[in-house]
Each structure stands twice: as structure tokens, then as C-alpha cells.
């Protein structure tokens, strides 16, 4: 469970290619656990610890949030690539924030904002849960086939002296 999370953090600068469903969701789960863990510790420190410890706990919480932002965007974009969608489909995840700002400027909001947020979230979750394209698509090779090919392909033994 931790391996996809570590790989997701390591591949923070790889915005191209594709990511499997399993890797995306395990990364998201681990990231959520760490996010809630740091938030929980910061909240507990707010109630039970001194001011210095509380400030330090909140700094760690905010630092991790910003630290994980780029790897999370990268793995999300690679997951969208696996379903054949480009980077611009990521904007549906952030559309509710723009809509709520526009609606608030006109004195609207409330239930309409809730409906837009729910609809965008449901669409995005469906996209992330969708099976990836089989075979190669315009964003690269199928990550499942890469794993299968490596398992089936026998690599000849190369001694370190043959190099």
C-alpha cells in the first residue's frame, strides 16, 4: 500500500505518461491518511499543548499540504491521461471554486453552489474510477501492459564482467 504512495512522491516531475487506477487510489488514500494525521495532531496540540508546540504542529501540517500539492497534481494528470483525457479535464475538479466566487459576487449561491460542487465532484470521481484505455493511447503505453510485458519477457543474464 505504501509503495504507490512513495512512487507518486518520487515521480513529482513526471507530468506525462499514464498511471493505473490502483496506483492513483492507493496514493490518494495514503495522502489522505497523512493529511488527516497531520491535521489531527495539529488540532490536538491546539487544545492540549503549549503555544509553541501548536504553532510547530500547524507549520508541519501546512508544509506537508504544500509539499504534496505538486505530486498529487502530477499523479492526477497521469491518471487522466490513462483514461484518454488531457490536462484541461482537471479544471472540472476546481470549477466549483470559480463558480462559488462568481455566484457570491452576484449575491447568489446556496443550493446552486452545492449542486454545481456535487456534480463536478461526482464527474471527477467517475473519471478517476474509470478503467484506463487498453493499449497505447496518445499519452503513452498502457501501464498494465508494461507490467505484464516485463513479467513475461525473460531477460538474458548479463554478468557485470560482460559490460
N, C-alpha and C. Protein backbone atom coordinates (compact mmCIF):
# COMPACT_ATOMS: atom_id res chain seq x y z
N UNK A 1 0.82 -1.19 0.00
CA UNK A 1 0.00 0.00 0.00
C UNK A 1 0.87 1.26 0.00
N UNK A 2 1.99 1.21 0.63
CA UNK A 2 2.84 2.39 0.75
C UNK A 2 3.69 2.61 -0.51
N UNK A 3 3.93 1.54 -1.28
CA UNK A 3 4.79 1.66 -2.46
C UNK A 3 4.23 2.63 -3.51
N UNK A 4 2.93 2.56 -3.87
CA UNK A 4 2.41 3.56 -4.82
C UNK A 4 2.50 4.99 -4.29
N UNK A 5 2.39 5.15 -2.98
CA UNK A 5 2.50 6.48 -2.39
C UNK A 5 3.92 7.02 -2.54
N UNK A 6 4.90 6.19 -2.21
CA UNK A 6 6.30 6.60 -2.34
C UNK A 6 6.63 6.86 -3.81
N UNK A 7 6.17 5.98 -4.71
CA UNK A 7 6.42 6.19 -6.14
C UNK A 7 5.76 7.48 -6.65
N UNK A 8 4.56 7.77 -6.15
CA UNK A 8 3.89 9.00 -6.54
C UNK A 8 4.66 10.24 -6.09
N UNK A 9 5.23 10.17 -4.90
CA UNK A 9 6.03 11.30 -4.42
C UNK A 9 7.34 11.43 -5.21
N UNK A 10 7.93 10.29 -5.57
CA UNK A 10 9.18 10.32 -6.32
C UNK A 10 8.98 10.83 -7.75
N UNK A 11 7.81 10.57 -8.32
CA UNK A 11 7.56 10.94 -9.72
C UNK A 11 6.87 12.31 -9.83
N UNK A 12 7.19 13.21 -8.92
CA UNK A 12 6.55 14.52 -8.89
C UNK A 12 6.82 15.35 -10.14
N UNK A 13 7.90 15.10 -10.84
CA UNK A 13 8.21 15.92 -12.01
C UNK A 13 7.81 15.25 -13.32
N UNK A 14 7.16 14.10 -13.26
CA UNK A 14 6.73 13.39 -14.47
C UNK A 14 5.24 13.67 -14.70
N UNK A 15 4.97 14.62 -15.57
CA UNK A 15 3.61 15.02 -15.86
C UNK A 15 3.07 14.31 -17.10
N UNK A 16 3.93 13.60 -17.82
CA UNK A 16 3.49 12.87 -18.99
C UNK A 16 3.37 11.39 -18.63
N UNK A 17 2.83 10.63 -19.54
CA UNK A 17 2.65 9.20 -19.28
C UNK A 17 1.31 8.91 -18.63
N UNK A 18 1.20 7.70 -18.10
CA UNK A 18 -0.07 7.22 -17.57
C UNK A 18 0.13 6.56 -16.21
N UNK A 19 -0.91 6.56 -15.40
CA UNK A 19 -0.90 5.91 -14.09
C UNK A 19 -2.12 5.02 -13.97
N UNK A 20 -1.91 3.84 -13.41
CA UNK A 20 -3.00 2.89 -13.21
C UNK A 20 -3.98 3.38 -12.14
N UNK A 21 -5.20 2.84 -12.20
CA UNK A 21 -6.21 3.15 -11.19
C UNK A 21 -5.73 2.81 -9.80
N UNK A 22 -5.20 1.62 -9.67
CA UNK A 22 -4.76 1.13 -8.36
C UNK A 22 -3.72 2.06 -7.74
N UNK A 23 -2.74 2.48 -8.53
CA UNK A 23 -1.70 3.35 -8.01
C UNK A 23 -2.26 4.72 -7.63
N UNK A 24 -3.17 5.24 -8.43
CA UNK A 24 -3.77 6.54 -8.12
C UNK A 24 -4.55 6.49 -6.82
N UNK A 25 -5.40 5.47 -6.67
CA UNK A 25 -6.25 5.41 -5.48
C UNK A 25 -5.45 5.08 -4.22
N UNK A 26 -4.43 4.23 -4.33
CA UNK A 26 -3.61 3.97 -3.15
C UNK A 26 -2.79 5.20 -2.76
N UNK A 27 -2.29 5.93 -3.75
CA UNK A 27 -1.61 7.18 -3.45
C UNK A 27 -2.57 8.15 -2.75
N UNK A 28 -3.78 8.28 -3.29
CA UNK A 28 -4.77 9.20 -2.71
C UNK A 28 -5.12 8.80 -1.29
N UNK A 29 -5.28 7.51 -1.05
CA UNK A 29 -5.61 7.03 0.29
C UNK A 29 -4.49 7.36 1.28
N UNK A 30 -3.25 7.04 0.91
CA UNK A 30 -2.13 7.33 1.81
C UNK A 30 -1.97 8.83 2.03
N UNK A 31 -2.14 9.61 0.98
CA UNK A 31 -2.03 11.06 1.12
C UNK A 31 -3.11 11.60 2.05
N UNK A 32 -4.32 11.07 1.93
CA UNK A 32 -5.41 11.50 2.79
C UNK A 32 -5.14 11.11 4.25
N UNK A 33 -4.59 9.93 4.47
CA UNK A 33 -4.27 9.49 5.83
C UNK A 33 -3.23 10.42 6.45
N UNK A 34 -2.19 10.76 5.67
CA UNK A 34 -1.15 11.66 6.19
C UNK A 34 -1.73 13.05 6.41
N UNK A 35 -2.56 13.53 5.48
CA UNK A 35 -3.17 14.86 5.64
C UNK A 35 -4.02 14.92 6.92
N UNK A 36 -4.89 13.93 7.09
CA UNK A 36 -5.74 13.92 8.28
C UNK A 36 -4.92 13.68 9.55
N UNK A 37 -3.84 12.90 9.43
CA UNK A 37 -2.97 12.68 10.59
C UNK A 37 -2.30 13.96 11.05
N UNK A 38 -1.73 14.71 10.11
CA UNK A 38 -1.09 15.98 10.48
C UNK A 38 -2.11 16.99 10.99
N UNK A 39 -3.29 17.00 10.37
CA UNK A 39 -4.34 17.90 10.83
C UNK A 39 -4.81 17.52 12.23
N UNK A 40 -4.99 16.22 12.47
CA UNK A 40 -5.41 15.75 13.79
C UNK A 40 -4.40 16.09 14.88
N UNK A 41 -3.13 15.89 14.57
CA UNK A 41 -2.09 16.23 15.55
C UNK A 41 -2.10 17.73 15.83
N UNK A 42 -2.24 18.53 14.77
CA UNK A 42 -2.28 19.99 14.95
C UNK A 42 -3.48 20.41 15.79
N UNK A 43 -4.64 19.79 15.55
CA UNK A 43 -5.83 20.12 16.33
C UNK A 43 -5.68 19.68 17.79
N UNK A 44 -5.12 18.51 18.01
CA UNK A 44 -4.89 18.06 19.38
C UNK A 44 -3.92 18.97 20.10
N UNK A 45 -2.89 19.38 19.40
CA UNK A 45 -1.93 20.31 20.01
C UNK A 45 -2.58 21.65 20.33
N UNK A 46 -3.55 22.05 19.52
CA UNK A 46 -4.24 23.32 19.77
C UNK A 46 -4.99 23.29 21.10
N UNK A 47 -5.51 22.13 21.45
CA UNK A 47 -6.29 22.02 22.69
C UNK A 47 -5.44 21.68 23.91
N UNK A 48 -4.40 20.85 23.71
CA UNK A 48 -3.72 20.30 24.87
C UNK A 48 -2.26 20.73 25.06
N UNK A 49 -1.66 21.37 24.07
CA UNK A 49 -0.23 21.66 24.16
C UNK A 49 0.00 23.17 24.28
N UNK A 50 1.26 23.48 24.48
CA UNK A 50 1.63 24.89 24.59
C UNK A 50 1.55 25.57 23.22
N UNK A 51 1.64 26.86 23.24
CA UNK A 51 1.53 27.64 22.00
C UNK A 51 2.66 27.32 21.03
N UNK A 52 3.86 27.13 21.53
CA UNK A 52 5.00 26.84 20.66
C UNK A 52 4.81 25.52 19.92
N UNK A 53 4.39 24.51 20.64
CA UNK A 53 4.16 23.19 20.01
C UNK A 53 3.01 23.27 19.03
N UNK A 54 1.98 24.02 19.38
CA UNK A 54 0.82 24.17 18.49
C UNK A 54 1.23 24.84 17.19
N UNK A 55 2.00 25.90 17.26
CA UNK A 55 2.45 26.60 16.06
C UNK A 55 3.31 25.66 15.22
N UNK A 56 4.20 24.93 15.84
CA UNK A 56 5.05 23.98 15.13
C UNK A 56 4.21 22.90 14.44
N UNK A 57 3.19 22.38 15.12
CA UNK A 57 2.32 21.35 14.54
C UNK A 57 1.56 21.90 13.33
N UNK A 58 1.07 23.13 13.41
CA UNK A 58 0.36 23.73 12.28
C UNK A 58 1.31 24.01 11.12
N UNK A 59 2.54 24.39 11.43
CA UNK A 59 3.52 24.61 10.36
C UNK A 59 3.79 23.30 9.62
N UNK A 60 3.92 22.21 10.36
CA UNK A 60 4.13 20.90 9.72
C UNK A 60 2.93 20.53 8.86
N UNK A 61 1.73 20.77 9.36
CA UNK A 61 0.51 20.46 8.61
C UNK A 61 0.46 21.25 7.30
N UNK A 62 0.70 22.54 7.36
CA UNK A 62 0.67 23.38 6.17
C UNK A 62 1.82 23.02 5.23
N UNK A 63 2.99 22.75 5.78
CA UNK A 63 4.15 22.39 4.97
C UNK A 63 3.88 21.11 4.18
N UNK A 64 3.31 20.09 4.84
CA UNK A 64 3.01 18.85 4.11
C UNK A 64 1.96 19.09 3.03
N UNK A 65 0.97 19.93 3.32
CA UNK A 65 -0.06 20.21 2.33
C UNK A 65 0.56 20.81 1.06
N UNK A 66 1.44 21.78 1.23
CA UNK A 66 2.08 22.39 0.06
C UNK A 66 3.09 21.44 -0.58
N UNK A 67 3.75 20.64 0.23
CA UNK A 67 4.73 19.68 -0.30
C UNK A 67 4.06 18.62 -1.18
N UNK A 68 2.87 18.20 -0.80
CA UNK A 68 2.18 17.13 -1.54
C UNK A 68 1.35 17.65 -2.71
N UNK A 69 1.25 18.95 -2.87
CA UNK A 69 0.41 19.51 -3.93
C UNK A 69 0.90 19.13 -5.32
N UNK A 70 2.17 19.31 -5.61
CA UNK A 70 2.71 19.03 -6.94
C UNK A 70 2.65 17.53 -7.27
N UNK A 71 3.09 16.62 -6.37
CA UNK A 71 2.96 15.20 -6.70
C UNK A 71 1.51 14.76 -6.91
N UNK A 72 0.59 15.35 -6.15
CA UNK A 72 -0.82 15.00 -6.30
C UNK A 72 -1.35 15.46 -7.65
N UNK A 73 -0.99 16.66 -8.06
CA UNK A 73 -1.40 17.13 -9.39
C UNK A 73 -0.79 16.27 -10.48
N UNK A 74 0.47 15.89 -10.32
CA UNK A 74 1.15 15.07 -11.34
C UNK A 74 0.48 13.71 -11.49
N UNK A 75 0.20 13.04 -10.38
CA UNK A 75 -0.41 11.69 -10.48
C UNK A 75 -1.85 11.80 -10.98
N UNK A 76 -2.54 12.88 -10.65
CA UNK A 76 -3.90 13.07 -11.15
C UNK A 76 -3.89 13.29 -12.66
N UNK A 77 -2.96 14.07 -13.15
CA UNK A 77 -2.87 14.29 -14.59
C UNK A 77 -2.49 13.00 -15.31
N UNK A 78 -1.57 12.23 -14.74
CA UNK A 78 -1.22 10.94 -15.37
C UNK A 78 -2.41 9.99 -15.36
N UNK A 79 -3.23 10.04 -14.32
CA UNK A 79 -4.44 9.20 -14.27
C UNK A 79 -5.43 9.66 -15.34
N UNK A 80 -5.59 10.96 -15.52
CA UNK A 80 -6.45 11.46 -16.60
C UNK A 80 -5.92 11.00 -17.95
N UNK A 81 -4.61 11.01 -18.12
CA UNK A 81 -4.01 10.52 -19.37
C UNK A 81 -4.35 9.06 -19.60
N UNK A 82 -4.41 8.26 -18.54
CA UNK A 82 -4.71 6.84 -18.69
C UNK A 82 -6.13 6.63 -19.22
N UNK A 83 -7.02 7.56 -18.92
CA UNK A 83 -8.40 7.45 -19.41
C UNK A 83 -8.59 8.19 -20.73
N UNK A 84 -7.50 8.71 -21.31
CA UNK A 84 -7.58 9.37 -22.60
C UNK A 84 -7.95 10.84 -22.51
N UNK A 85 -7.89 11.42 -21.32
CA UNK A 85 -8.25 12.82 -21.14
C UNK A 85 -6.98 13.66 -20.94
N UNK A 86 -7.05 14.90 -21.35
CA UNK A 86 -5.91 15.80 -21.21
C UNK A 86 -5.95 16.57 -19.90
N UNK A 87 -4.99 17.46 -19.77
CA UNK A 87 -4.82 18.24 -18.54
C UNK A 87 -6.00 19.18 -18.30
N UNK A 88 -6.67 19.62 -19.35
CA UNK A 88 -7.76 20.58 -19.17
C UNK A 88 -8.97 19.96 -18.49
N UNK A 89 -9.07 18.64 -18.48
CA UNK A 89 -10.16 17.99 -17.76
C UNK A 89 -9.97 18.11 -16.25
N UNK A 90 -8.77 18.48 -15.82
CA UNK A 90 -8.52 18.69 -14.39
C UNK A 90 -9.29 19.89 -13.87
N UNK A 91 -9.62 20.82 -14.75
CA UNK A 91 -10.30 22.03 -14.31
C UNK A 91 -11.70 21.77 -13.76
N UNK A 92 -12.31 20.64 -14.13
CA UNK A 92 -13.64 20.35 -13.58
C UNK A 92 -13.55 20.11 -12.08
N UNK A 93 -12.37 19.69 -11.61
CA UNK A 93 -12.18 19.49 -10.17
C UNK A 93 -12.21 20.83 -9.44
N UNK A 94 -11.72 21.88 -10.09
CA UNK A 94 -11.62 23.19 -9.46
C UNK A 94 -12.70 24.17 -9.92
N UNK A 95 -13.57 23.73 -10.80
CA UNK A 95 -14.67 24.56 -11.28
C UNK A 95 -15.59 25.06 -10.16
N UNK A 96 -15.93 24.23 -9.17
CA UNK A 96 -16.83 24.73 -8.11
C UNK A 96 -16.29 25.95 -7.36
N UNK A 97 -14.97 26.05 -7.22
CA UNK A 97 -14.41 27.21 -6.53
C UNK A 97 -14.63 28.48 -7.34
N UNK A 98 -14.45 28.40 -8.65
CA UNK A 98 -14.68 29.56 -9.51
C UNK A 98 -16.17 29.92 -9.55
N UNK A 99 -17.01 28.89 -9.64
CA UNK A 99 -18.45 29.12 -9.69
C UNK A 99 -18.94 29.76 -8.40
N UNK A 100 -18.45 29.28 -7.27
CA UNK A 100 -18.90 29.86 -5.99
C UNK A 100 -18.47 31.32 -5.87
N UNK A 101 -17.27 31.65 -6.39
CA UNK A 101 -16.85 33.05 -6.37
C UNK A 101 -17.72 33.92 -7.24
N UNK A 102 -18.07 33.42 -8.41
CA UNK A 102 -18.92 34.19 -9.32
C UNK A 102 -20.32 34.34 -8.74
N UNK A 103 -20.87 33.25 -8.20
CA UNK A 103 -22.21 33.32 -7.61
C UNK A 103 -22.24 34.25 -6.40
N UNK A 104 -21.17 34.22 -5.60
CA UNK A 104 -21.12 35.10 -4.43
C UNK A 104 -21.05 36.57 -4.84
N UNK A 105 -20.38 36.85 -5.96
CA UNK A 105 -20.28 38.23 -6.44
C UNK A 105 -21.65 38.78 -6.84
N UNK A 106 -22.54 37.90 -7.30
CA UNK A 106 -23.88 38.33 -7.69
C UNK A 106 -24.91 38.10 -6.59
N UNK A 107 -24.46 37.72 -5.41
CA UNK A 107 -25.38 37.53 -4.30
C UNK A 107 -26.16 36.23 -4.38
N UNK A 108 -25.71 35.31 -5.23
CA UNK A 108 -26.39 34.02 -5.37
C UNK A 108 -25.57 32.98 -4.62
N UNK A 109 -25.86 31.76 -4.79
CA UNK A 109 -25.09 30.71 -4.14
C UNK A 109 -26.02 29.73 -3.49
N UNK A 110 -25.68 29.33 -2.30
CA UNK A 110 -26.53 28.41 -1.55
C UNK A 110 -26.67 27.08 -2.25
N UNK A 111 -27.89 26.71 -2.59
CA UNK A 111 -28.19 25.40 -3.14
C UNK A 111 -27.58 25.23 -4.53
N UNK A 112 -27.53 26.30 -5.32
CA UNK A 112 -26.96 26.22 -6.66
C UNK A 112 -25.47 25.89 -6.59
N UNK A 113 -24.77 26.50 -5.67
CA UNK A 113 -23.35 26.21 -5.48
C UNK A 113 -23.14 24.77 -5.03
N UNK A 114 -24.01 24.29 -4.16
CA UNK A 114 -23.92 22.91 -3.69
C UNK A 114 -24.15 21.92 -4.84
N UNK A 115 -25.10 22.22 -5.70
CA UNK A 115 -25.40 21.34 -6.84
C UNK A 115 -24.23 21.29 -7.81
N UNK A 116 -23.65 22.45 -8.12
CA UNK A 116 -22.50 22.50 -9.03
C UNK A 116 -21.32 21.75 -8.43
N UNK A 117 -21.05 21.95 -7.15
CA UNK A 117 -19.94 21.27 -6.49
C UNK A 117 -20.13 19.76 -6.49
N UNK A 118 -21.32 19.31 -6.17
CA UNK A 118 -21.60 17.88 -6.14
C UNK A 118 -21.49 17.27 -7.53
N UNK A 119 -22.02 17.94 -8.54
CA UNK A 119 -21.97 17.41 -9.90
C UNK A 119 -20.53 17.31 -10.40
N UNK A 120 -19.73 18.34 -10.17
CA UNK A 120 -18.33 18.31 -10.60
C UNK A 120 -17.55 17.23 -9.87
N UNK A 121 -17.79 17.09 -8.58
CA UNK A 121 -17.09 16.06 -7.79
C UNK A 121 -17.46 14.66 -8.26
N UNK A 122 -18.73 14.43 -8.54
CA UNK A 122 -19.17 13.11 -9.00
C UNK A 122 -18.56 12.79 -10.36
N UNK A 123 -18.57 13.75 -11.26
CA UNK A 123 -17.97 13.53 -12.59
C UNK A 123 -16.49 13.20 -12.45
N UNK A 124 -15.78 13.95 -11.62
CA UNK A 124 -14.35 13.73 -11.47
C UNK A 124 -14.05 12.37 -10.84
N UNK A 125 -14.81 11.97 -9.85
CA UNK A 125 -14.62 10.65 -9.22
C UNK A 125 -14.89 9.55 -10.24
N UNK A 126 -15.91 9.70 -11.05
CA UNK A 126 -16.20 8.70 -12.09
C UNK A 126 -15.03 8.60 -13.06
N UNK A 127 -14.47 9.73 -13.46
CA UNK A 127 -13.32 9.71 -14.37
C UNK A 127 -12.12 9.00 -13.74
N UNK A 128 -11.89 9.26 -12.48
CA UNK A 128 -10.74 8.64 -11.81
C UNK A 128 -10.94 7.15 -11.58
N UNK A 129 -12.20 6.73 -11.42
CA UNK A 129 -12.50 5.31 -11.18
C UNK A 129 -12.66 4.52 -12.47
N UNK A 130 -12.73 5.21 -13.58
CA UNK A 130 -12.93 4.58 -14.88
C UNK A 130 -11.70 3.75 -15.27
N UNK A 131 -11.98 2.67 -15.96
CA UNK A 131 -10.89 1.83 -16.46
C UNK A 131 -10.09 2.60 -17.51
N UNK A 132 -8.78 2.44 -17.45
CA UNK A 132 -7.91 3.13 -18.41
C UNK A 132 -8.05 2.54 -19.80
N UNK A 133 -7.59 3.32 -20.79
CA UNK A 133 -7.60 2.84 -22.18
C UNK A 133 -6.70 1.62 -22.31
N UNK A 134 -7.19 0.61 -23.00
CA UNK A 134 -6.39 -0.58 -23.23
C UNK A 134 -5.43 -0.30 -24.38
N UNK A 135 -4.20 -0.67 -24.18
CA UNK A 135 -3.19 -0.44 -25.22
C UNK A 135 -2.67 0.98 -25.19
N UNK A 136 -1.96 1.32 -26.22
CA UNK A 136 -1.34 2.63 -26.30
C UNK A 136 -2.37 3.69 -26.67
N UNK A 137 -2.31 4.85 -26.01
CA UNK A 137 -3.12 5.98 -26.43
C UNK A 137 -2.18 7.16 -26.71
N UNK A 138 -2.72 8.34 -26.94
CA UNK A 138 -1.87 9.47 -27.33
C UNK A 138 -0.96 9.95 -26.21
N UNK A 139 -1.15 9.44 -24.99
CA UNK A 139 -0.32 9.85 -23.86
C UNK A 139 0.75 8.82 -23.49
N UNK A 140 0.76 7.68 -24.15
CA UNK A 140 1.81 6.70 -23.88
C UNK A 140 1.27 5.28 -23.83
N UNK A 141 2.15 4.39 -23.39
CA UNK A 141 1.82 2.97 -23.32
C UNK A 141 0.93 2.68 -22.11
N UNK A 142 0.21 1.58 -22.21
CA UNK A 142 -0.65 1.13 -21.14
C UNK A 142 0.20 0.66 -19.96
N UNK A 143 0.02 1.24 -18.76
CA UNK A 143 0.85 0.82 -17.63
C UNK A 143 0.64 -0.65 -17.24
N UNK A 144 -0.54 -1.17 -17.48
CA UNK A 144 -0.78 -2.59 -17.18
C UNK A 144 0.00 -3.48 -18.13
N UNK A 145 0.06 -3.11 -19.39
CA UNK A 145 0.80 -3.91 -20.36
C UNK A 145 2.29 -3.86 -20.09
N UNK A 146 2.79 -2.73 -19.61
CA UNK A 146 4.21 -2.63 -19.29
C UNK A 146 4.58 -3.61 -18.18
N UNK A 147 3.72 -3.74 -17.21
CA UNK A 147 3.98 -4.68 -16.12
C UNK A 147 3.87 -6.11 -16.62
N UNK A 148 2.86 -6.39 -17.44
CA UNK A 148 2.69 -7.74 -17.97
C UNK A 148 3.85 -8.13 -18.88
N UNK A 149 4.29 -7.19 -19.72
CA UNK A 149 5.39 -7.49 -20.63
C UNK A 149 6.67 -7.78 -19.86
N UNK A 150 6.91 -7.04 -18.80
CA UNK A 150 8.11 -7.27 -18.01
C UNK A 150 8.07 -8.64 -17.33
N UNK A 151 6.87 -9.06 -16.91
CA UNK A 151 6.75 -10.35 -16.24
C UNK A 151 6.94 -11.50 -17.22
N UNK A 152 6.45 -11.34 -18.46
CA UNK A 152 6.54 -12.42 -19.44
C UNK A 152 7.90 -12.48 -20.13
N UNK A 153 8.53 -11.34 -20.26
CA UNK A 153 9.78 -11.29 -21.00
C UNK A 153 10.94 -11.78 -20.15
N UNK A 154 11.66 -12.71 -20.67
CA UNK A 154 12.85 -13.20 -19.97
C UNK A 154 14.05 -12.40 -20.42
N UNK A 155 14.72 -11.82 -19.48
CA UNK A 155 15.91 -11.06 -19.80
C UNK A 155 17.12 -11.97 -19.66
N UNK A 156 18.02 -11.94 -20.64
CA UNK A 156 19.20 -12.79 -20.56
C UNK A 156 20.11 -12.33 -19.43
N UNK A 157 20.79 -13.29 -18.84
CA UNK A 157 21.71 -12.98 -17.76
C UNK A 157 22.93 -12.28 -18.33
N UNK A 158 23.23 -11.12 -17.76
CA UNK A 158 24.39 -10.37 -18.17
C UNK A 158 25.30 -10.23 -16.95
N UNK A 159 26.48 -10.74 -17.08
CA UNK A 159 27.44 -10.64 -15.99
C UNK A 159 27.98 -9.23 -15.92
N UNK A 160 28.42 -8.83 -14.76
CA UNK A 160 28.98 -7.49 -14.64
C UNK A 160 30.31 -7.39 -15.37
N UNK A 161 30.88 -8.53 -15.72
CA UNK A 161 32.15 -8.54 -16.46
C UNK A 161 31.93 -8.42 -17.97
N UNK A 162 30.68 -8.65 -18.44
CA UNK A 162 30.38 -8.60 -19.86
C UNK A 162 30.15 -7.18 -20.35
N UNK A 163 30.03 -6.26 -19.45
CA UNK A 163 29.70 -4.89 -19.82
C UNK A 163 30.83 -4.16 -20.39
